[in-house]
């Protein structure tokens, strides 16, 4: 149990769900050079070729990633990250082709295992105040809210990434960055 009452969830295997039931484990592996074009297209489709966070503009393709693939090789999801620096590992982006199919959870498990192997004591991520689906997702996987960076999105929109919309998911005004963390 962490301070503040946030508990760590147990890791478990997840399977991809398709019409009619579970169809087998989602395979997660490090992104390879051969994945570069598909990774670029996937991030572009999710508006994440450039990510503004904590006053910086980051290019996720410049960082390592895990990909989740179906048995037939279809890209189901991708997580980019900054590996262990100072005992911390940061998740830069996490996108799944479809929600509720296990790819996101499998990717979180993979980066958590990597963080543990590297001796990291903190796995963290930034999302935005409008992203209630991400807030639900991360908290259900043991992440705790640790900081609200008030006005951070407004500052990024003004100085780094003008294409950030004024309203985000569910038409919630897009203003703040929310930091979540967990012990890997």
N, C-alpha and C. Protein backbone atom coordinates (compact mmCIF):
# COMPACT_ATOMS: atom_id res chain seq x y z
N UNK A 1 0.84 -1.18 0.00
CA UNK A 1 0.00 0.00 0.00
C UNK A 1 0.88 1.23 0.00
N UNK A 2 0.61 2.17 -0.88
CA UNK A 2 1.35 3.43 -0.96
C UNK A 2 0.72 4.44 -0.02
N UNK A 3 1.52 5.46 0.30
CA UNK A 3 0.98 6.56 1.08
C UNK A 3 -0.22 7.13 0.33
N UNK A 4 -1.20 7.53 1.04
CA UNK A 4 -2.39 8.09 0.39
C UNK A 4 -3.41 7.04 0.01
N UNK A 5 -3.14 5.77 0.33
CA UNK A 5 -4.13 4.74 0.11
C UNK A 5 -4.16 4.13 -1.28
N UNK A 6 -3.21 4.43 -2.13
CA UNK A 6 -3.21 3.87 -3.48
C UNK A 6 -2.51 2.53 -3.44
N UNK A 7 -3.16 1.48 -3.91
CA UNK A 7 -2.57 0.15 -3.86
C UNK A 7 -2.02 -0.25 -5.22
N UNK A 8 -1.08 -1.13 -5.19
CA UNK A 8 -0.50 -1.68 -6.41
C UNK A 8 -1.33 -2.90 -6.84
N UNK A 9 -1.71 -2.95 -8.11
CA UNK A 9 -2.45 -4.09 -8.62
C UNK A 9 -1.51 -5.23 -8.98
N UNK A 10 -2.01 -6.44 -8.98
CA UNK A 10 -1.21 -7.59 -9.38
C UNK A 10 -1.16 -7.66 -10.90
N UNK A 11 -0.01 -8.07 -11.42
CA UNK A 11 0.13 -8.23 -12.86
C UNK A 11 -0.50 -9.55 -13.27
N UNK A 12 -1.09 -9.59 -14.45
CA UNK A 12 -1.68 -10.82 -14.95
C UNK A 12 -1.65 -10.79 -16.47
N UNK A 13 -1.79 -11.93 -17.05
CA UNK A 13 -1.79 -12.03 -18.50
C UNK A 13 -3.12 -11.51 -19.04
N UNK A 14 -3.06 -10.81 -20.14
CA UNK A 14 -4.27 -10.32 -20.79
C UNK A 14 -4.34 -10.92 -22.18
N UNK A 15 -5.55 -11.10 -22.63
CA UNK A 15 -5.78 -11.68 -23.94
C UNK A 15 -6.60 -10.71 -24.77
N UNK A 16 -6.38 -10.76 -26.06
CA UNK A 16 -7.17 -9.93 -26.97
C UNK A 16 -8.59 -10.49 -27.03
N UNK A 17 -9.56 -9.61 -27.05
CA UNK A 17 -10.95 -10.02 -27.11
C UNK A 17 -11.49 -9.70 -28.50
N UNK A 18 -12.13 -10.65 -29.10
CA UNK A 18 -12.77 -10.44 -30.40
C UNK A 18 -14.20 -10.95 -30.29
N UNK A 19 -15.00 -10.61 -31.29
CA UNK A 19 -16.38 -11.09 -31.29
C UNK A 19 -16.36 -12.60 -31.08
N UNK A 20 -17.09 -13.07 -30.11
CA UNK A 20 -17.15 -14.49 -29.84
C UNK A 20 -16.25 -14.93 -28.71
N UNK A 21 -15.37 -14.06 -28.20
CA UNK A 21 -14.56 -14.44 -27.05
C UNK A 21 -13.09 -14.09 -27.21
N UNK A 22 -12.31 -14.56 -26.25
CA UNK A 22 -10.87 -14.29 -26.25
C UNK A 22 -10.19 -15.12 -27.34
N UNK A 23 -9.23 -14.50 -28.03
CA UNK A 23 -8.62 -15.16 -29.18
C UNK A 23 -7.13 -15.40 -29.00
N UNK A 24 -6.60 -15.22 -27.84
CA UNK A 24 -5.19 -15.49 -27.63
C UNK A 24 -4.48 -14.28 -27.07
N UNK A 25 -3.31 -14.54 -26.57
CA UNK A 25 -2.54 -13.49 -25.91
C UNK A 25 -2.10 -12.41 -26.89
N UNK A 26 -2.13 -11.19 -26.40
CA UNK A 26 -1.56 -10.06 -27.14
C UNK A 26 -0.06 -10.19 -27.00
N UNK A 27 0.66 -10.17 -28.10
CA UNK A 27 2.11 -10.27 -28.04
C UNK A 27 2.69 -8.86 -27.96
N UNK A 28 3.54 -8.64 -26.96
CA UNK A 28 4.21 -7.35 -26.80
C UNK A 28 5.69 -7.58 -27.00
N UNK A 29 6.28 -6.69 -27.80
CA UNK A 29 7.72 -6.77 -28.06
C UNK A 29 8.26 -5.37 -28.28
N UNK A 30 9.58 -5.21 -28.15
CA UNK A 30 10.16 -3.90 -28.46
C UNK A 30 9.92 -3.54 -29.93
N UNK A 31 9.72 -2.26 -30.18
CA UNK A 31 9.59 -1.79 -31.57
C UNK A 31 10.92 -2.06 -32.27
N UNK A 32 10.83 -2.50 -33.51
CA UNK A 32 12.01 -2.81 -34.32
C UNK A 32 12.12 -1.81 -35.47
N UNK A 33 13.28 -1.77 -36.10
CA UNK A 33 13.49 -0.86 -37.23
C UNK A 33 12.44 -1.09 -38.32
N UNK A 34 12.05 -2.34 -38.53
CA UNK A 34 11.06 -2.66 -39.55
C UNK A 34 9.67 -2.11 -39.21
N UNK A 35 9.46 -1.74 -37.96
CA UNK A 35 8.16 -1.20 -37.52
C UNK A 35 8.05 0.31 -37.72
N UNK A 36 9.13 0.97 -38.13
CA UNK A 36 9.18 2.43 -38.10
C UNK A 36 8.04 3.09 -38.89
N UNK A 37 7.79 2.65 -40.10
CA UNK A 37 6.73 3.26 -40.92
C UNK A 37 5.36 3.06 -40.26
N UNK A 38 5.09 1.84 -39.80
CA UNK A 38 3.80 1.57 -39.14
C UNK A 38 3.68 2.36 -37.84
N UNK A 39 4.78 2.49 -37.11
CA UNK A 39 4.77 3.25 -35.85
C UNK A 39 4.49 4.73 -36.13
N UNK A 40 5.13 5.28 -37.15
CA UNK A 40 4.91 6.68 -37.51
C UNK A 40 3.43 6.91 -37.89
N UNK A 41 2.89 6.03 -38.71
CA UNK A 41 1.49 6.16 -39.13
C UNK A 41 0.55 6.01 -37.94
N UNK A 42 0.85 5.08 -37.04
CA UNK A 42 0.02 4.85 -35.87
C UNK A 42 0.01 6.09 -34.97
N UNK A 43 1.18 6.66 -34.68
CA UNK A 43 1.25 7.86 -33.84
C UNK A 43 0.59 9.05 -34.53
N UNK A 44 0.76 9.17 -35.84
CA UNK A 44 0.12 10.27 -36.58
C UNK A 44 -1.40 10.17 -36.47
N UNK A 45 -1.92 8.96 -36.60
CA UNK A 45 -3.37 8.75 -36.50
C UNK A 45 -3.90 9.14 -35.13
N UNK A 46 -3.04 9.04 -34.11
CA UNK A 46 -3.45 9.39 -32.75
C UNK A 46 -2.97 10.79 -32.34
N UNK A 47 -2.46 11.57 -33.30
CA UNK A 47 -2.04 12.94 -33.01
C UNK A 47 -0.86 13.03 -32.07
N UNK A 48 0.04 12.04 -32.11
CA UNK A 48 1.13 12.00 -31.13
C UNK A 48 2.53 11.96 -31.74
N UNK A 49 2.71 12.49 -32.95
CA UNK A 49 4.07 12.55 -33.49
C UNK A 49 4.92 13.55 -32.72
N UNK A 50 4.26 14.54 -32.14
CA UNK A 50 4.92 15.51 -31.25
C UNK A 50 4.06 15.60 -30.00
N UNK A 51 4.70 15.54 -28.85
CA UNK A 51 3.98 15.57 -27.58
C UNK A 51 4.54 16.72 -26.74
N UNK A 52 3.66 17.58 -26.28
CA UNK A 52 4.05 18.65 -25.37
C UNK A 52 3.73 18.19 -23.95
N UNK A 53 4.76 18.25 -23.09
CA UNK A 53 4.53 17.92 -21.69
C UNK A 53 5.61 18.59 -20.85
N UNK A 54 5.19 19.12 -19.72
CA UNK A 54 6.09 19.80 -18.77
C UNK A 54 6.96 20.86 -19.45
N UNK A 55 6.37 21.59 -20.38
CA UNK A 55 7.07 22.69 -21.03
C UNK A 55 8.06 22.28 -22.09
N UNK A 56 8.02 21.03 -22.53
CA UNK A 56 8.92 20.52 -23.57
C UNK A 56 8.11 19.94 -24.72
N UNK A 57 8.69 20.00 -25.91
CA UNK A 57 8.10 19.33 -27.07
C UNK A 57 8.95 18.10 -27.34
N UNK A 58 8.34 16.94 -27.28
CA UNK A 58 9.02 15.65 -27.41
C UNK A 58 8.56 14.96 -28.69
N UNK A 59 9.49 14.26 -29.33
CA UNK A 59 9.17 13.44 -30.51
C UNK A 59 9.25 11.97 -30.08
N UNK A 60 8.11 11.34 -29.83
CA UNK A 60 8.11 9.97 -29.32
C UNK A 60 8.88 8.96 -30.17
N UNK A 61 8.93 9.17 -31.49
CA UNK A 61 9.66 8.21 -32.33
C UNK A 61 11.16 8.25 -32.07
N UNK A 62 11.64 9.27 -31.38
CA UNK A 62 13.06 9.35 -31.01
C UNK A 62 13.35 8.52 -29.76
N UNK A 63 12.33 7.90 -29.18
CA UNK A 63 12.47 7.15 -27.94
C UNK A 63 12.09 5.69 -28.17
N UNK A 64 12.55 4.80 -27.29
CA UNK A 64 12.18 3.39 -27.45
C UNK A 64 10.68 3.18 -27.25
N UNK A 65 10.22 2.04 -27.73
CA UNK A 65 8.79 1.73 -27.66
C UNK A 65 8.57 0.23 -27.57
N UNK A 66 7.42 -0.11 -27.06
CA UNK A 66 6.89 -1.46 -27.14
C UNK A 66 5.70 -1.41 -28.07
N UNK A 67 5.50 -2.47 -28.83
CA UNK A 67 4.32 -2.61 -29.67
C UNK A 67 3.56 -3.84 -29.24
N UNK A 68 2.24 -3.76 -29.33
CA UNK A 68 1.37 -4.90 -29.09
C UNK A 68 0.83 -5.33 -30.44
N UNK A 69 0.97 -6.61 -30.73
CA UNK A 69 0.52 -7.12 -32.02
C UNK A 69 -0.38 -8.33 -31.82
N UNK A 70 -1.30 -8.49 -32.74
CA UNK A 70 -2.19 -9.65 -32.74
C UNK A 70 -1.45 -10.83 -33.35
N UNK A 71 -2.04 -12.01 -33.23
CA UNK A 71 -1.42 -13.22 -33.77
C UNK A 71 -1.10 -13.08 -35.26
N UNK A 72 -1.92 -12.34 -36.00
CA UNK A 72 -1.69 -12.15 -37.42
C UNK A 72 -0.73 -11.02 -37.75
N UNK A 73 -0.18 -10.37 -36.71
CA UNK A 73 0.78 -9.30 -36.95
C UNK A 73 0.20 -7.90 -36.95
N UNK A 74 -1.12 -7.74 -36.81
CA UNK A 74 -1.75 -6.42 -36.81
C UNK A 74 -1.30 -5.64 -35.58
N UNK A 75 -0.93 -4.38 -35.79
CA UNK A 75 -0.52 -3.50 -34.70
C UNK A 75 -1.76 -3.13 -33.88
N UNK A 76 -1.78 -3.55 -32.62
CA UNK A 76 -2.91 -3.29 -31.73
C UNK A 76 -2.67 -2.09 -30.82
N UNK A 77 -1.40 -1.76 -30.59
CA UNK A 77 -1.10 -0.65 -29.70
C UNK A 77 0.38 -0.38 -29.64
N UNK A 78 0.73 0.77 -29.08
CA UNK A 78 2.13 1.14 -28.94
C UNK A 78 2.31 2.04 -27.72
N UNK A 79 3.40 1.83 -27.02
CA UNK A 79 3.77 2.64 -25.86
C UNK A 79 5.20 3.11 -26.08
N UNK A 80 5.42 4.43 -26.06
CA UNK A 80 6.78 4.97 -26.13
C UNK A 80 7.17 5.42 -24.73
N UNK A 81 8.46 5.36 -24.44
CA UNK A 81 8.90 5.63 -23.07
C UNK A 81 10.31 6.19 -23.04
N UNK A 82 10.63 6.80 -21.90
CA UNK A 82 11.99 7.23 -21.61
C UNK A 82 12.49 6.26 -20.55
N UNK A 83 13.51 5.45 -20.89
CA UNK A 83 13.98 4.43 -19.94
C UNK A 83 14.62 5.05 -18.71
N UNK A 84 14.76 4.21 -17.69
CA UNK A 84 15.26 4.59 -16.38
C UNK A 84 16.32 5.67 -16.32
N UNK A 85 15.91 6.84 -15.91
CA UNK A 85 16.82 7.94 -15.64
C UNK A 85 16.62 8.34 -14.19
N UNK A 86 17.67 8.26 -13.38
CA UNK A 86 17.54 8.63 -11.98
C UNK A 86 16.51 7.81 -11.23
N UNK A 87 16.41 6.52 -11.56
CA UNK A 87 15.47 5.65 -10.87
C UNK A 87 14.03 5.80 -11.32
N UNK A 88 13.82 6.49 -12.45
CA UNK A 88 12.47 6.71 -12.95
C UNK A 88 12.36 6.25 -14.40
N UNK A 89 11.19 5.83 -14.79
CA UNK A 89 10.88 5.49 -16.17
C UNK A 89 9.59 6.22 -16.52
N UNK A 90 9.61 6.94 -17.62
CA UNK A 90 8.45 7.74 -18.02
C UNK A 90 7.76 7.15 -19.23
N UNK A 91 6.45 7.06 -19.17
CA UNK A 91 5.63 6.69 -20.32
C UNK A 91 5.34 7.98 -21.08
N UNK A 92 5.76 8.05 -22.33
CA UNK A 92 5.49 9.24 -23.15
C UNK A 92 4.13 9.16 -23.83
N UNK A 93 3.89 8.07 -24.53
CA UNK A 93 2.61 7.88 -25.22
C UNK A 93 2.14 6.45 -25.02
N UNK A 94 0.85 6.29 -25.00
CA UNK A 94 0.23 4.97 -24.98
C UNK A 94 -1.06 5.07 -25.76
N UNK A 95 -1.14 4.30 -26.83
CA UNK A 95 -2.36 4.28 -27.64
C UNK A 95 -2.67 2.83 -28.01
N UNK A 96 -3.94 2.52 -28.01
CA UNK A 96 -4.41 1.21 -28.45
C UNK A 96 -5.33 1.42 -29.65
N UNK A 97 -5.29 0.47 -30.56
CA UNK A 97 -6.17 0.52 -31.73
C UNK A 97 -7.63 0.56 -31.28
N UNK A 98 -7.96 -0.25 -30.28
CA UNK A 98 -9.31 -0.28 -29.71
C UNK A 98 -9.20 -0.43 -28.21
N UNK A 99 -10.09 0.24 -27.48
CA UNK A 99 -10.15 0.09 -26.04
C UNK A 99 -10.77 -1.24 -25.66
N UNK A 100 -10.46 -1.68 -24.45
CA UNK A 100 -11.07 -2.85 -23.82
C UNK A 100 -10.65 -4.17 -24.46
N UNK A 101 -9.52 -4.19 -25.16
CA UNK A 101 -9.07 -5.43 -25.79
C UNK A 101 -7.76 -5.95 -25.21
N UNK A 102 -7.20 -5.29 -24.21
CA UNK A 102 -6.03 -5.81 -23.52
C UNK A 102 -4.69 -5.28 -23.99
N UNK A 103 -4.63 -4.61 -25.12
CA UNK A 103 -3.33 -4.14 -25.63
C UNK A 103 -2.70 -3.11 -24.70
N UNK A 104 -3.47 -2.15 -24.23
CA UNK A 104 -2.93 -1.12 -23.34
C UNK A 104 -2.41 -1.72 -22.05
N UNK A 105 -3.16 -2.62 -21.47
CA UNK A 105 -2.73 -3.26 -20.23
C UNK A 105 -1.47 -4.08 -20.45
N UNK A 106 -1.39 -4.82 -21.56
CA UNK A 106 -0.20 -5.61 -21.86
C UNK A 106 1.02 -4.70 -22.03
N UNK A 107 0.83 -3.55 -22.65
CA UNK A 107 1.94 -2.60 -22.83
C UNK A 107 2.39 -2.03 -21.49
N UNK A 108 1.44 -1.70 -20.61
CA UNK A 108 1.78 -1.20 -19.27
C UNK A 108 2.57 -2.26 -18.51
N UNK A 109 2.14 -3.50 -18.61
CA UNK A 109 2.86 -4.59 -17.93
C UNK A 109 4.29 -4.70 -18.46
N UNK A 110 4.46 -4.59 -19.77
CA UNK A 110 5.80 -4.71 -20.37
C UNK A 110 6.72 -3.59 -19.90
N UNK A 111 6.24 -2.35 -19.90
CA UNK A 111 7.10 -1.25 -19.47
C UNK A 111 7.36 -1.34 -17.96
N UNK A 112 6.40 -1.84 -17.20
CA UNK A 112 6.61 -2.04 -15.77
C UNK A 112 7.69 -3.07 -15.50
N UNK A 113 7.70 -4.16 -16.26
CA UNK A 113 8.73 -5.18 -16.12
C UNK A 113 10.10 -4.61 -16.48
N UNK A 114 10.16 -3.83 -17.55
CA UNK A 114 11.41 -3.19 -17.95
C UNK A 114 11.91 -2.25 -16.84
N UNK A 115 11.01 -1.44 -16.29
CA UNK A 115 11.38 -0.50 -15.23
C UNK A 115 11.94 -1.25 -14.02
N UNK A 116 11.31 -2.36 -13.65
CA UNK A 116 11.82 -3.17 -12.52
C UNK A 116 13.20 -3.71 -12.82
N UNK A 117 13.40 -4.24 -14.03
CA UNK A 117 14.72 -4.78 -14.40
C UNK A 117 15.79 -3.70 -14.36
N UNK A 118 15.43 -2.47 -14.68
CA UNK A 118 16.38 -1.37 -14.68
C UNK A 118 16.54 -0.73 -13.30
N UNK A 119 15.84 -1.27 -12.31
CA UNK A 119 15.96 -0.77 -10.95
C UNK A 119 15.20 0.52 -10.69
N UNK A 120 14.25 0.84 -11.54
CA UNK A 120 13.47 2.06 -11.35
C UNK A 120 12.52 1.89 -10.16
N UNK A 121 12.36 2.96 -9.42
CA UNK A 121 11.43 2.95 -8.30
C UNK A 121 10.16 3.75 -8.61
N UNK A 122 10.15 4.38 -9.78
CA UNK A 122 8.99 5.20 -10.16
C UNK A 122 8.71 5.03 -11.65
N UNK A 123 7.47 4.70 -11.98
CA UNK A 123 6.97 4.67 -13.35
C UNK A 123 5.92 5.76 -13.40
N UNK A 124 6.08 6.72 -14.31
CA UNK A 124 5.16 7.87 -14.31
C UNK A 124 4.73 8.24 -15.70
N UNK A 125 3.64 9.01 -15.74
CA UNK A 125 3.03 9.42 -17.00
C UNK A 125 2.31 10.75 -16.78
N UNK A 126 2.23 11.52 -17.84
CA UNK A 126 1.46 12.77 -17.84
C UNK A 126 0.28 12.58 -18.79
N UNK A 127 -0.89 12.99 -18.36
CA UNK A 127 -2.04 13.06 -19.26
C UNK A 127 -2.68 14.43 -19.05
N UNK A 128 -3.75 14.68 -19.75
CA UNK A 128 -4.39 15.99 -19.65
C UNK A 128 -5.70 15.89 -18.87
N UNK A 129 -6.14 17.03 -18.37
CA UNK A 129 -7.33 17.05 -17.51
C UNK A 129 -8.59 16.55 -18.20
N UNK A 130 -8.66 16.63 -19.52
CA UNK A 130 -9.85 16.17 -20.24
C UNK A 130 -9.87 14.67 -20.48
N UNK A 131 -8.72 14.03 -20.31
CA UNK A 131 -8.57 12.63 -20.71
C UNK A 131 -9.06 11.69 -19.60
N UNK A 132 -10.36 11.72 -19.36
CA UNK A 132 -10.93 10.93 -18.28
C UNK A 132 -10.79 9.43 -18.54
N UNK A 133 -10.76 9.02 -19.80
CA UNK A 133 -10.56 7.60 -20.10
C UNK A 133 -9.17 7.15 -19.67
N UNK A 134 -8.15 7.98 -19.92
CA UNK A 134 -6.78 7.65 -19.49
C UNK A 134 -6.68 7.66 -17.97
N UNK A 135 -7.32 8.63 -17.33
CA UNK A 135 -7.28 8.69 -15.87
C UNK A 135 -7.88 7.42 -15.26
N UNK A 136 -8.98 6.97 -15.82
CA UNK A 136 -9.59 5.71 -15.38
C UNK A 136 -8.64 4.55 -15.61
N UNK A 137 -8.11 4.47 -16.83
CA UNK A 137 -7.23 3.37 -17.22
C UNK A 137 -6.02 3.27 -16.29
N UNK A 138 -5.30 4.37 -16.10
CA UNK A 138 -4.09 4.33 -15.28
C UNK A 138 -4.39 4.02 -13.83
N UNK A 139 -5.42 4.62 -13.27
CA UNK A 139 -5.73 4.37 -11.86
C UNK A 139 -6.15 2.92 -11.63
N UNK A 140 -6.85 2.34 -12.58
CA UNK A 140 -7.23 0.92 -12.44
C UNK A 140 -6.02 0.00 -12.52
N UNK A 141 -4.91 0.50 -13.01
CA UNK A 141 -3.68 -0.28 -13.11
C UNK A 141 -2.65 0.13 -12.06
N UNK A 142 -3.14 0.76 -10.98
CA UNK A 142 -2.29 1.03 -9.83
C UNK A 142 -1.60 2.38 -9.81
N UNK A 143 -1.83 3.23 -10.79
CA UNK A 143 -1.21 4.56 -10.79
C UNK A 143 -1.99 5.47 -9.85
N UNK A 144 -1.26 6.39 -9.22
CA UNK A 144 -1.85 7.38 -8.32
C UNK A 144 -1.65 8.77 -8.89
N UNK A 145 -2.63 9.63 -8.67
CA UNK A 145 -2.48 11.04 -9.04
C UNK A 145 -1.48 11.66 -8.07
N UNK A 146 -0.46 12.35 -8.61
CA UNK A 146 0.54 12.96 -7.73
C UNK A 146 0.67 14.47 -7.90
N UNK A 147 0.35 14.99 -9.08
CA UNK A 147 0.47 16.43 -9.31
C UNK A 147 -0.50 16.88 -10.40
N UNK A 148 -0.96 18.11 -10.24
CA UNK A 148 -1.68 18.78 -11.30
C UNK A 148 -0.82 19.98 -11.68
N UNK A 149 -0.44 20.04 -12.93
CA UNK A 149 0.34 21.17 -13.44
C UNK A 149 -0.66 22.13 -14.08
N UNK A 150 -1.17 23.04 -13.23
CA UNK A 150 -2.24 23.94 -13.67
C UNK A 150 -1.76 24.86 -14.78
N UNK A 151 -2.55 24.94 -15.84
CA UNK A 151 -2.26 25.83 -16.96
C UNK A 151 -1.15 25.34 -17.88
N UNK A 152 -0.62 24.15 -17.65
CA UNK A 152 0.50 23.65 -18.46
C UNK A 152 0.11 23.47 -19.93
N UNK A 153 -1.09 22.99 -20.19
CA UNK A 153 -1.53 22.81 -21.58
C UNK A 153 -1.73 24.17 -22.24
N UNK A 154 -2.28 25.11 -21.51
CA UNK A 154 -2.44 26.47 -22.05
C UNK A 154 -1.08 27.04 -22.46
N UNK A 155 -0.06 26.86 -21.61
CA UNK A 155 1.29 27.37 -21.93
C UNK A 155 1.88 26.64 -23.14
N UNK A 156 1.68 25.33 -23.20
CA UNK A 156 2.19 24.57 -24.35
C UNK A 156 1.51 25.00 -25.64
N UNK A 157 0.21 25.23 -25.58
CA UNK A 157 -0.53 25.68 -26.75
C UNK A 157 0.01 27.04 -27.22
N UNK A 158 0.34 27.92 -26.29
CA UNK A 158 0.81 29.27 -26.63
C UNK A 158 2.25 29.29 -27.13
N UNK A 159 3.08 28.35 -26.67
CA UNK A 159 4.52 28.46 -26.99
C UNK A 159 5.11 27.29 -27.77
N UNK A 160 4.51 26.09 -27.67
CA UNK A 160 5.14 24.90 -28.26
C UNK A 160 4.33 24.23 -29.37
N UNK A 161 3.04 24.11 -29.16
CA UNK A 161 2.21 23.29 -30.04
C UNK A 161 0.85 23.96 -30.23
N UNK A 162 0.78 24.95 -31.12
CA UNK A 162 -0.47 25.72 -31.26
C UNK A 162 -1.66 24.89 -31.73
N UNK A 163 -1.44 23.71 -32.28
CA UNK A 163 -2.56 22.89 -32.75
C UNK A 163 -3.32 22.19 -31.62
N UNK A 164 -2.86 22.32 -30.38
CA UNK A 164 -3.62 21.73 -29.26
C UNK A 164 -4.96 22.46 -29.19
N UNK A 165 -6.06 21.71 -29.24
CA UNK A 165 -7.38 22.37 -29.22
C UNK A 165 -7.69 22.96 -27.85
N UNK A 166 -8.61 23.90 -27.83
CA UNK A 166 -9.03 24.53 -26.57
C UNK A 166 -9.88 23.59 -25.73
N UNK A 167 -10.62 22.70 -26.40
CA UNK A 167 -11.44 21.71 -25.70
C UNK A 167 -11.02 20.33 -26.17
N UNK A 168 -11.03 19.40 -25.26
CA UNK A 168 -10.60 18.05 -25.59
C UNK A 168 -11.74 17.06 -25.52
N UNK A 169 -11.44 15.88 -25.00
CA UNK A 169 -12.43 14.82 -24.90
C UNK A 169 -13.65 15.30 -24.13
N UNK A 170 -14.81 14.90 -24.61
CA UNK A 170 -16.09 15.24 -23.97
C UNK A 170 -16.30 16.75 -23.87
N UNK A 171 -15.63 17.51 -24.73
CA UNK A 171 -15.71 18.98 -24.76
C UNK A 171 -15.29 19.62 -23.43
N UNK A 172 -14.39 18.96 -22.71
CA UNK A 172 -13.84 19.52 -21.48
C UNK A 172 -12.74 20.50 -21.85
N UNK A 173 -12.74 21.72 -21.29
CA UNK A 173 -11.66 22.67 -21.58
C UNK A 173 -10.30 22.04 -21.26
N UNK A 174 -9.39 22.11 -22.21
CA UNK A 174 -8.08 21.46 -22.12
C UNK A 174 -7.08 22.47 -21.58
N UNK A 175 -6.73 22.35 -20.28
CA UNK A 175 -5.89 23.35 -19.61
C UNK A 175 -4.68 22.78 -18.89
N UNK A 176 -4.86 21.65 -18.20
CA UNK A 176 -3.88 21.20 -17.22
C UNK A 176 -3.27 19.85 -17.60
N UNK A 177 -2.07 19.61 -17.08
CA UNK A 177 -1.45 18.30 -17.18
C UNK A 177 -1.58 17.63 -15.81
N UNK A 178 -1.87 16.35 -15.84
CA UNK A 178 -2.01 15.58 -14.60
C UNK A 178 -0.94 14.51 -14.62
N UNK A 179 -0.18 14.44 -13.55
CA UNK A 179 0.92 13.47 -13.41
C UNK A 179 0.46 12.32 -12.53
N UNK A 180 0.69 11.13 -13.01
CA UNK A 180 0.37 9.91 -12.26
C UNK A 180 1.64 9.07 -12.13
N UNK A 181 1.72 8.28 -11.09
CA UNK A 181 2.89 7.42 -10.90
C UNK A 181 2.50 6.14 -10.18
N UNK A 182 3.40 5.18 -10.26
CA UNK A 182 3.28 3.98 -9.47
C UNK A 182 4.67 3.39 -9.30
N UNK A 183 4.78 2.52 -8.35
CA UNK A 183 6.03 1.79 -8.16
C UNK A 183 5.96 0.59 -9.09
N UNK A 184 6.95 0.44 -9.97
CA UNK A 184 6.87 -0.67 -10.94
C UNK A 184 6.94 -2.05 -10.29
